[in-house]
Amino acid sequence: MFLAKVYVTLKPTVNDPQGLTIKGGLHTLGFTSVKQVRAGKYMEIQIEATDKTIAAESVKAMCQKLLANPVIEIYRFEMEELPVASPT
């Protein structure tokens, strides 16, 4: 079993209205040193696979087909192997 930690963010050239709103809110709260905020999505996906490479290929396909819009977003992910639960 593997855990994929997926990060999806807007491309640097794409306007980020949500990030601008967050930045404005932070300034209102007194955090005036904040110069830029970029908002994104974070997902954790558990995958049952026999091999880390197979699991990573599956996550890549998920990102390309559904989780990220390749026109305006970029993605990256990290894979970790989860410990096997011992039978009780």
N, C-alpha and C. Protein backbone atom coordinates (compact mmCIF):
# COMPACT_ATOMS: atom_id res chain seq x y z
N MET A 1 0.86 -1.18 0.00
CA MET A 1 0.00 0.00 0.00
C MET A 1 0.90 1.23 0.00
N PHE A 2 0.50 2.21 -0.79
CA PHE A 2 1.27 3.44 -0.92
C PHE A 2 0.37 4.65 -0.67
N LEU A 3 1.01 5.72 -0.23
CA LEU A 3 0.32 6.98 -0.02
C LEU A 3 0.93 8.00 -0.95
N ALA A 4 0.07 8.59 -1.79
CA ALA A 4 0.52 9.66 -2.68
C ALA A 4 0.06 10.98 -2.09
N LYS A 5 0.99 11.92 -1.95
CA LYS A 5 0.67 13.27 -1.52
C LYS A 5 0.76 14.15 -2.76
N VAL A 6 -0.39 14.64 -3.22
CA VAL A 6 -0.49 15.33 -4.49
C VAL A 6 -0.71 16.83 -4.25
N TYR A 7 0.10 17.65 -4.92
CA TYR A 7 0.00 19.11 -4.83
C TYR A 7 -0.32 19.65 -6.22
N VAL A 8 -1.41 20.41 -6.33
CA VAL A 8 -1.80 21.01 -7.60
C VAL A 8 -1.86 22.52 -7.40
N THR A 9 -1.13 23.26 -8.24
CA THR A 9 -1.12 24.72 -8.13
C THR A 9 -1.28 25.33 -9.52
N LEU A 10 -1.70 26.59 -9.53
CA LEU A 10 -1.81 27.30 -10.78
C LEU A 10 -0.42 27.56 -11.35
N LYS A 11 -0.31 27.58 -12.66
CA LYS A 11 0.95 27.94 -13.30
C LYS A 11 1.30 29.38 -12.89
N PRO A 12 2.58 29.71 -12.82
CA PRO A 12 2.99 31.05 -12.38
C PRO A 12 2.39 32.19 -13.22
N THR A 13 2.10 31.92 -14.48
CA THR A 13 1.58 32.97 -15.36
C THR A 13 0.06 33.15 -15.25
N VAL A 14 -0.61 32.30 -14.49
CA VAL A 14 -2.07 32.35 -14.36
C VAL A 14 -2.45 33.21 -13.16
N ASN A 15 -3.38 34.14 -13.38
CA ASN A 15 -3.88 34.99 -12.29
C ASN A 15 -4.51 34.11 -11.21
N ASP A 16 -4.30 34.47 -9.94
CA ASP A 16 -4.81 33.69 -8.81
C ASP A 16 -5.68 34.57 -7.92
N PRO A 17 -6.98 34.72 -8.27
CA PRO A 17 -7.85 35.58 -7.46
C PRO A 17 -8.01 35.10 -6.01
N GLN A 18 -8.00 33.79 -5.80
CA GLN A 18 -8.10 33.28 -4.44
C GLN A 18 -6.86 33.66 -3.64
N GLY A 19 -5.70 33.56 -4.24
CA GLY A 19 -4.47 33.96 -3.57
C GLY A 19 -4.47 35.45 -3.24
N LEU A 20 -4.98 36.28 -4.16
CA LEU A 20 -5.06 37.72 -3.91
C LEU A 20 -6.01 38.04 -2.75
N THR A 21 -7.12 37.30 -2.67
CA THR A 21 -8.07 37.49 -1.57
C THR A 21 -7.44 37.10 -0.24
N ILE A 22 -6.72 35.99 -0.21
CA ILE A 22 -6.04 35.56 1.01
C ILE A 22 -5.00 36.59 1.43
N LYS A 23 -4.23 37.07 0.45
CA LYS A 23 -3.23 38.09 0.73
C LYS A 23 -3.87 39.33 1.35
N GLY A 24 -5.00 39.78 0.78
CA GLY A 24 -5.72 40.94 1.33
C GLY A 24 -6.18 40.70 2.75
N GLY A 25 -6.69 39.49 3.02
CA GLY A 25 -7.11 39.16 4.37
C GLY A 25 -5.96 39.16 5.36
N LEU A 26 -4.84 38.63 4.93
CA LEU A 26 -3.66 38.62 5.80
C LEU A 26 -3.18 40.04 6.09
N HIS A 27 -3.20 40.89 5.08
CA HIS A 27 -2.83 42.30 5.29
C HIS A 27 -3.78 42.97 6.29
N THR A 28 -5.08 42.68 6.15
CA THR A 28 -6.08 43.24 7.07
C THR A 28 -5.80 42.81 8.50
N LEU A 29 -5.30 41.59 8.67
CA LEU A 29 -5.00 41.07 10.00
C LEU A 29 -3.64 41.53 10.53
N GLY A 30 -2.96 42.36 9.74
CA GLY A 30 -1.70 42.91 10.20
C GLY A 30 -0.46 42.23 9.68
N PHE A 31 -0.62 41.23 8.84
CA PHE A 31 0.53 40.52 8.28
C PHE A 31 0.97 41.20 6.98
N THR A 32 1.43 42.44 7.12
CA THR A 32 1.75 43.27 5.95
C THR A 32 3.03 42.85 5.25
N SER A 33 3.80 41.97 5.84
CA SER A 33 5.04 41.52 5.19
C SER A 33 4.76 40.49 4.09
N VAL A 34 3.52 39.99 4.00
CA VAL A 34 3.17 39.01 2.96
C VAL A 34 3.14 39.73 1.62
N LYS A 35 3.94 39.25 0.67
CA LYS A 35 4.04 39.88 -0.64
C LYS A 35 3.26 39.14 -1.72
N GLN A 36 3.09 37.81 -1.57
CA GLN A 36 2.36 37.05 -2.56
C GLN A 36 1.81 35.77 -1.93
N VAL A 37 0.63 35.38 -2.37
CA VAL A 37 0.02 34.12 -1.95
C VAL A 37 -0.47 33.41 -3.21
N ARG A 38 -0.15 32.15 -3.33
CA ARG A 38 -0.66 31.31 -4.41
C ARG A 38 -1.43 30.17 -3.75
N ALA A 39 -2.69 30.03 -4.08
CA ALA A 39 -3.53 28.98 -3.51
C ALA A 39 -3.48 27.74 -4.40
N GLY A 40 -3.74 26.59 -3.82
CA GLY A 40 -3.73 25.35 -4.58
C GLY A 40 -4.54 24.28 -3.89
N LYS A 41 -4.34 23.05 -4.35
CA LYS A 41 -5.05 21.90 -3.79
C LYS A 41 -4.03 20.88 -3.29
N TYR A 42 -4.40 20.20 -2.22
CA TYR A 42 -3.57 19.13 -1.67
C TYR A 42 -4.46 17.92 -1.46
N MET A 43 -4.01 16.76 -1.91
CA MET A 43 -4.78 15.52 -1.77
C MET A 43 -3.87 14.40 -1.29
N GLU A 44 -4.42 13.51 -0.49
CA GLU A 44 -3.72 12.28 -0.11
C GLU A 44 -4.53 11.12 -0.68
N ILE A 45 -3.84 10.27 -1.42
CA ILE A 45 -4.50 9.15 -2.09
C ILE A 45 -3.78 7.87 -1.71
N GLN A 46 -4.51 6.93 -1.13
CA GLN A 46 -3.94 5.62 -0.81
C GLN A 46 -4.16 4.70 -2.01
N ILE A 47 -3.10 4.02 -2.39
CA ILE A 47 -3.15 3.16 -3.57
C ILE A 47 -2.62 1.79 -3.21
N GLU A 48 -3.37 0.79 -3.57
CA GLU A 48 -2.91 -0.57 -3.37
C GLU A 48 -2.19 -1.00 -4.65
N ALA A 49 -0.90 -1.24 -4.53
CA ALA A 49 -0.09 -1.66 -5.67
C ALA A 49 1.06 -2.50 -5.15
N THR A 50 1.61 -3.33 -6.03
CA THR A 50 2.71 -4.21 -5.63
C THR A 50 4.06 -3.52 -5.71
N ASP A 51 4.10 -2.37 -6.38
CA ASP A 51 5.38 -1.72 -6.66
C ASP A 51 5.20 -0.21 -6.65
N LYS A 52 6.20 0.50 -6.14
CA LYS A 52 6.13 1.96 -6.04
C LYS A 52 6.05 2.61 -7.43
N THR A 53 6.75 2.04 -8.40
CA THR A 53 6.72 2.59 -9.75
C THR A 53 5.34 2.49 -10.37
N ILE A 54 4.69 1.37 -10.17
CA ILE A 54 3.33 1.18 -10.68
C ILE A 54 2.38 2.16 -10.01
N ALA A 55 2.51 2.33 -8.71
CA ALA A 55 1.66 3.27 -7.97
C ALA A 55 1.88 4.70 -8.47
N ALA A 56 3.14 5.07 -8.71
CA ALA A 56 3.45 6.42 -9.18
C ALA A 56 2.90 6.66 -10.59
N GLU A 57 2.97 5.66 -11.45
CA GLU A 57 2.41 5.79 -12.80
C GLU A 57 0.90 6.00 -12.73
N SER A 58 0.26 5.31 -11.81
CA SER A 58 -1.18 5.45 -11.62
C SER A 58 -1.54 6.87 -11.16
N VAL A 59 -0.77 7.39 -10.21
CA VAL A 59 -1.02 8.76 -9.71
C VAL A 59 -0.80 9.77 -10.82
N LYS A 60 0.24 9.59 -11.60
CA LYS A 60 0.51 10.50 -12.71
C LYS A 60 -0.68 10.52 -13.68
N ALA A 61 -1.21 9.35 -14.00
CA ALA A 61 -2.37 9.28 -14.90
C ALA A 61 -3.59 9.96 -14.28
N MET A 62 -3.78 9.80 -12.97
CA MET A 62 -4.90 10.47 -12.28
C MET A 62 -4.78 11.98 -12.40
N CYS A 63 -3.57 12.48 -12.21
CA CYS A 63 -3.33 13.93 -12.30
C CYS A 63 -3.60 14.44 -13.71
N GLN A 64 -3.13 13.71 -14.70
CA GLN A 64 -3.28 14.14 -16.08
C GLN A 64 -4.73 14.07 -16.56
N LYS A 65 -5.49 13.10 -16.04
CA LYS A 65 -6.85 12.90 -16.52
C LYS A 65 -7.92 13.62 -15.71
N LEU A 66 -7.66 13.90 -14.42
CA LEU A 66 -8.72 14.46 -13.59
C LEU A 66 -8.27 15.49 -12.57
N LEU A 67 -7.21 15.23 -11.85
CA LEU A 67 -6.87 16.05 -10.68
C LEU A 67 -6.31 17.42 -11.02
N ALA A 68 -5.67 17.56 -12.18
CA ALA A 68 -5.08 18.85 -12.57
C ALA A 68 -5.53 19.21 -13.98
N ASN A 69 -5.75 20.49 -14.19
CA ASN A 69 -6.06 21.01 -15.53
C ASN A 69 -4.74 21.44 -16.16
N PRO A 70 -4.24 20.69 -17.15
CA PRO A 70 -2.90 20.97 -17.68
C PRO A 70 -2.78 22.33 -18.38
N VAL A 71 -3.89 22.94 -18.70
CA VAL A 71 -3.84 24.25 -19.36
C VAL A 71 -3.41 25.33 -18.38
N ILE A 72 -3.89 25.25 -17.12
CA ILE A 72 -3.62 26.32 -16.16
C ILE A 72 -2.93 25.86 -14.88
N GLU A 73 -2.79 24.53 -14.69
CA GLU A 73 -2.23 24.03 -13.43
C GLU A 73 -1.01 23.14 -13.66
N ILE A 74 -0.19 23.07 -12.64
CA ILE A 74 0.91 22.12 -12.60
C ILE A 74 0.71 21.24 -11.36
N TYR A 75 1.32 20.08 -11.38
CA TYR A 75 1.18 19.18 -10.24
C TYR A 75 2.52 18.53 -9.93
N ARG A 76 2.61 18.07 -8.70
CA ARG A 76 3.74 17.25 -8.28
C ARG A 76 3.20 16.31 -7.21
N PHE A 77 3.89 15.24 -6.98
CA PHE A 77 3.45 14.32 -5.93
C PHE A 77 4.64 13.61 -5.32
N GLU A 78 4.41 13.15 -4.10
CA GLU A 78 5.40 12.37 -3.36
C GLU A 78 4.75 11.04 -3.04
N MET A 79 5.54 9.99 -3.09
CA MET A 79 5.04 8.65 -2.78
C MET A 79 5.73 8.12 -1.54
N GLU A 80 4.96 7.48 -0.69
CA GLU A 80 5.57 6.78 0.45
C GLU A 80 4.86 5.44 0.64
N GLU A 81 5.64 4.48 1.05
CA GLU A 81 5.08 3.16 1.30
C GLU A 81 4.51 3.13 2.71
N LEU A 82 3.28 2.65 2.81
CA LEU A 82 2.64 2.55 4.12
C LEU A 82 2.98 1.21 4.74
N PRO A 83 3.14 1.18 6.06
CA PRO A 83 3.43 -0.10 6.71
C PRO A 83 2.25 -1.05 6.55
N VAL A 84 2.58 -2.30 6.42
CA VAL A 84 1.55 -3.34 6.30
C VAL A 84 0.99 -3.62 7.68
N ALA A 85 -0.32 -3.56 7.82
CA ALA A 85 -0.96 -3.83 9.10
C ALA A 85 -0.82 -5.31 9.42
N SER A 86 -0.41 -5.59 10.65
CA SER A 86 -0.26 -6.99 11.06
C SER A 86 -1.60 -7.54 11.46
N PRO A 87 -1.86 -8.81 11.12
CA PRO A 87 -3.14 -9.42 11.49
C PRO A 87 -3.28 -9.55 13.00
N THR A 88 -4.47 -9.34 13.47
CA THR A 88 -4.70 -9.44 14.92
C THR A 88 -5.40 -10.71 15.30
